[in-house]
Structure formats: C-alpha cells, structure tokens
Amino acid sequence: MPVGRFVLDVHGESRATWAANDALCAALQIINHLQDCGKDYRDLDRVYIPLDALGCGGVAVEALGNAKASPALRHCVQMLAERTSALLHDAEPFSSQINDLRLGLEVA
C-alpha cells in the first residue's frame, strides 16, 4: 500500500484515493500469495496463508507441499479468495477517483 500511495502522491492525487488504493493493493498482494502458495512453500519454505485459516479447515502447513491440493486446502484458499473479493469491491471506484487520465487508465 505504501508504494501505491507514493505513486498517487507523485502524481498529485488526493489522499481521498488512499482507501481504494489500499484495498486494491492488499487484494493484489493476497491474490499473488494465494496463487503461488504451494510453489512458495516448496521452493522458498514460506507460508503466506494464515495459520488460523489453515487450522479452521484442519489443514496442516505441510499440505502446501503436496503436488495436488486436497479438498480441504482448496476450500481454505477459496474462502480466503472470497474474503479478498470484498477488497476488490472496495477498490472498484478507485480508477474514477484519479484525476490523471493515464494513471487512472493504468489502475483500471
């Protein structure tokens, strides 16, 4: 979120855009982590899925290392993706809040 805010500041945009910026930046980061969660665990020994989210579904961290996700792990990732959709909804007005046409098109 700080990078998005910095870009907005550099372009002279209003700080009123920060809430939508923060929602979009957070959603994109979460989506990136969710799509790579198995690879990141296997290759980097990193776990980006919250342990409480795994625990709710009875999923052990080690399940991220399997070649194929179990139904429980898929359900966990799906639930996190659904929660992330709320952030994307909050970010919907973002591009229309930006005065700089090129930046607004890039964000859209």
Protein backbone atom coordinates (compact mmCIF):
# COMPACT_ATOMS: atom_id res chain seq x y z
CA MET A 1 0.00 0.00 0.00
CA PRO A 2 2.81 2.46 0.64
CA VAL A 3 4.02 2.15 -2.96
CA GLY A 4 0.54 2.86 -4.31
CA ARG A 5 0.22 5.85 -2.01
CA PHE A 6 3.63 7.10 -3.13
CA VAL A 7 2.61 6.85 -6.80
CA LEU A 8 -0.58 8.76 -6.04
CA ASP A 9 1.40 11.44 -4.21
CA VAL A 10 3.91 11.75 -7.08
CA HIS A 11 1.00 12.34 -9.46
CA GLY A 12 -0.53 14.93 -7.15
CA GLU A 13 -3.63 12.85 -6.44
CA SER A 14 -5.85 13.44 -3.46
CA ARG A 15 -5.33 11.42 -0.31
CA ALA A 16 -9.04 10.67 -0.54
CA THR A 17 -7.97 7.95 -3.02
CA TRP A 18 -5.95 6.12 -0.39
CA ALA A 19 -8.75 3.89 0.91
CA ALA A 20 -9.47 2.44 -2.53
CA ASN A 21 -5.73 2.24 -3.25
CA ASP A 22 -5.13 0.32 -0.04
CA ALA A 23 -7.94 -2.11 -0.82
CA LEU A 24 -6.61 -2.77 -4.33
CA CYS A 25 -3.01 -3.15 -3.21
CA ALA A 26 -3.97 -5.55 -0.42
CA ALA A 27 -6.19 -7.61 -2.72
CA LEU A 28 -3.49 -7.92 -5.39
CA GLN A 29 -0.92 -8.98 -2.82
CA ILE A 30 -3.25 -11.60 -1.34
CA ILE A 31 -4.15 -12.94 -4.79
CA ASN A 32 -0.46 -13.23 -5.65
CA HIS A 33 0.23 -15.18 -2.47
CA LEU A 34 -2.77 -17.46 -2.91
CA GLN A 35 -1.91 -18.38 -6.48
CA ASP A 36 1.66 -19.24 -5.53
CA CYS A 37 1.10 -20.72 -2.06
CA GLY A 38 2.23 -24.25 -2.97
CA LYS A 39 5.22 -23.13 -5.01
CA ASP A 40 6.32 -20.66 -2.35
CA TYR A 41 6.16 -23.37 0.30
CA ARG A 42 8.04 -25.93 -1.77
CA ASP A 43 10.67 -23.58 -3.24
CA LEU A 44 11.10 -20.93 -0.53
CA ASP A 45 9.75 -22.61 2.63
CA ARG A 46 7.36 -19.68 3.00
CA VAL A 47 3.77 -19.84 4.20
CA TYR A 48 1.58 -16.89 3.35
CA ILE A 49 -1.75 -18.48 4.26
CA PRO A 50 -2.69 -17.53 7.83
CA LEU A 51 -2.29 -20.46 10.19
CA ASP A 52 -5.75 -19.86 11.67
CA ALA A 53 -7.26 -20.16 8.18
CA LEU A 54 -5.46 -23.46 7.64
CA GLY A 55 -6.44 -24.62 11.11
CA CYS A 56 -10.14 -23.90 10.58
CA GLY A 57 -10.16 -26.44 7.80
CA GLY A 58 -7.94 -28.90 9.61
CA VAL A 59 -5.16 -28.36 7.08
CA ALA A 60 -1.55 -28.82 8.13
CA VAL A 61 1.06 -26.45 6.74
CA GLU A 62 2.81 -29.41 5.14
CA ALA A 63 -0.21 -29.89 2.86
CA LEU A 64 1.12 -26.94 0.86
CA GLY A 65 3.99 -29.16 -0.26
CA ASN A 66 1.78 -31.74 -1.93
CA ALA A 67 1.69 -31.91 -5.72
CA LYS A 68 -2.10 -31.55 -5.65
CA ALA A 69 -4.21 -29.59 -3.19
CA SER A 70 -6.57 -31.56 -1.01
CA PRO A 71 -10.25 -30.62 -0.96
CA ALA A 72 -9.70 -29.07 2.50
CA LEU A 73 -6.82 -26.91 1.25
CA ARG A 74 -8.78 -25.87 -1.83
CA HIS A 75 -11.68 -24.89 0.42
CA CYS A 76 -9.34 -22.83 2.62
CA VAL A 77 -7.89 -20.99 -0.41
CA GLN A 78 -11.40 -20.47 -1.81
CA MET A 79 -12.59 -18.93 1.47
CA LEU A 80 -9.62 -16.55 1.50
CA ALA A 81 -10.28 -15.64 -2.14
CA GLU A 82 -13.90 -14.88 -1.31
CA ARG A 83 -12.81 -12.60 1.54
CA THR A 84 -10.42 -10.91 -0.88
CA SER A 85 -13.28 -10.19 -3.27
CA ALA A 86 -14.61 -7.75 -0.67
CA LEU A 87 -11.37 -5.78 -1.02
CA LEU A 88 -11.76 -5.75 -4.79
CA HIS A 89 -15.28 -4.44 -4.33
CA ASP A 90 -13.94 -1.65 -2.10
CA ALA A 91 -11.41 -0.81 -4.82
CA GLU A 92 -13.97 -0.55 -7.64
CA PRO A 93 -14.27 3.27 -7.60
CA PHE A 94 -10.50 3.76 -7.47
CA SER A 95 -9.76 4.49 -11.13
CA SER A 96 -12.60 7.01 -11.36
CA GLN A 97 -11.23 8.86 -8.32
CA ILE A 98 -7.91 9.52 -10.05
CA ASN A 99 -7.57 12.83 -11.90
CA ASP A 100 -4.55 11.86 -14.03
CA LEU A 101 -6.08 10.12 -17.07
CA ARG A 102 -3.09 7.90 -17.82
CA LEU A 103 -2.75 6.79 -14.21
CA GLY A 104 -6.49 6.20 -13.97
CA LEU A 105 -6.40 4.02 -17.08
CA GLU A 106 -3.43 2.08 -15.73
CA VAL A 107 -5.27 1.45 -12.45
CA ALA A 108 -8.45 0.43 -14.26
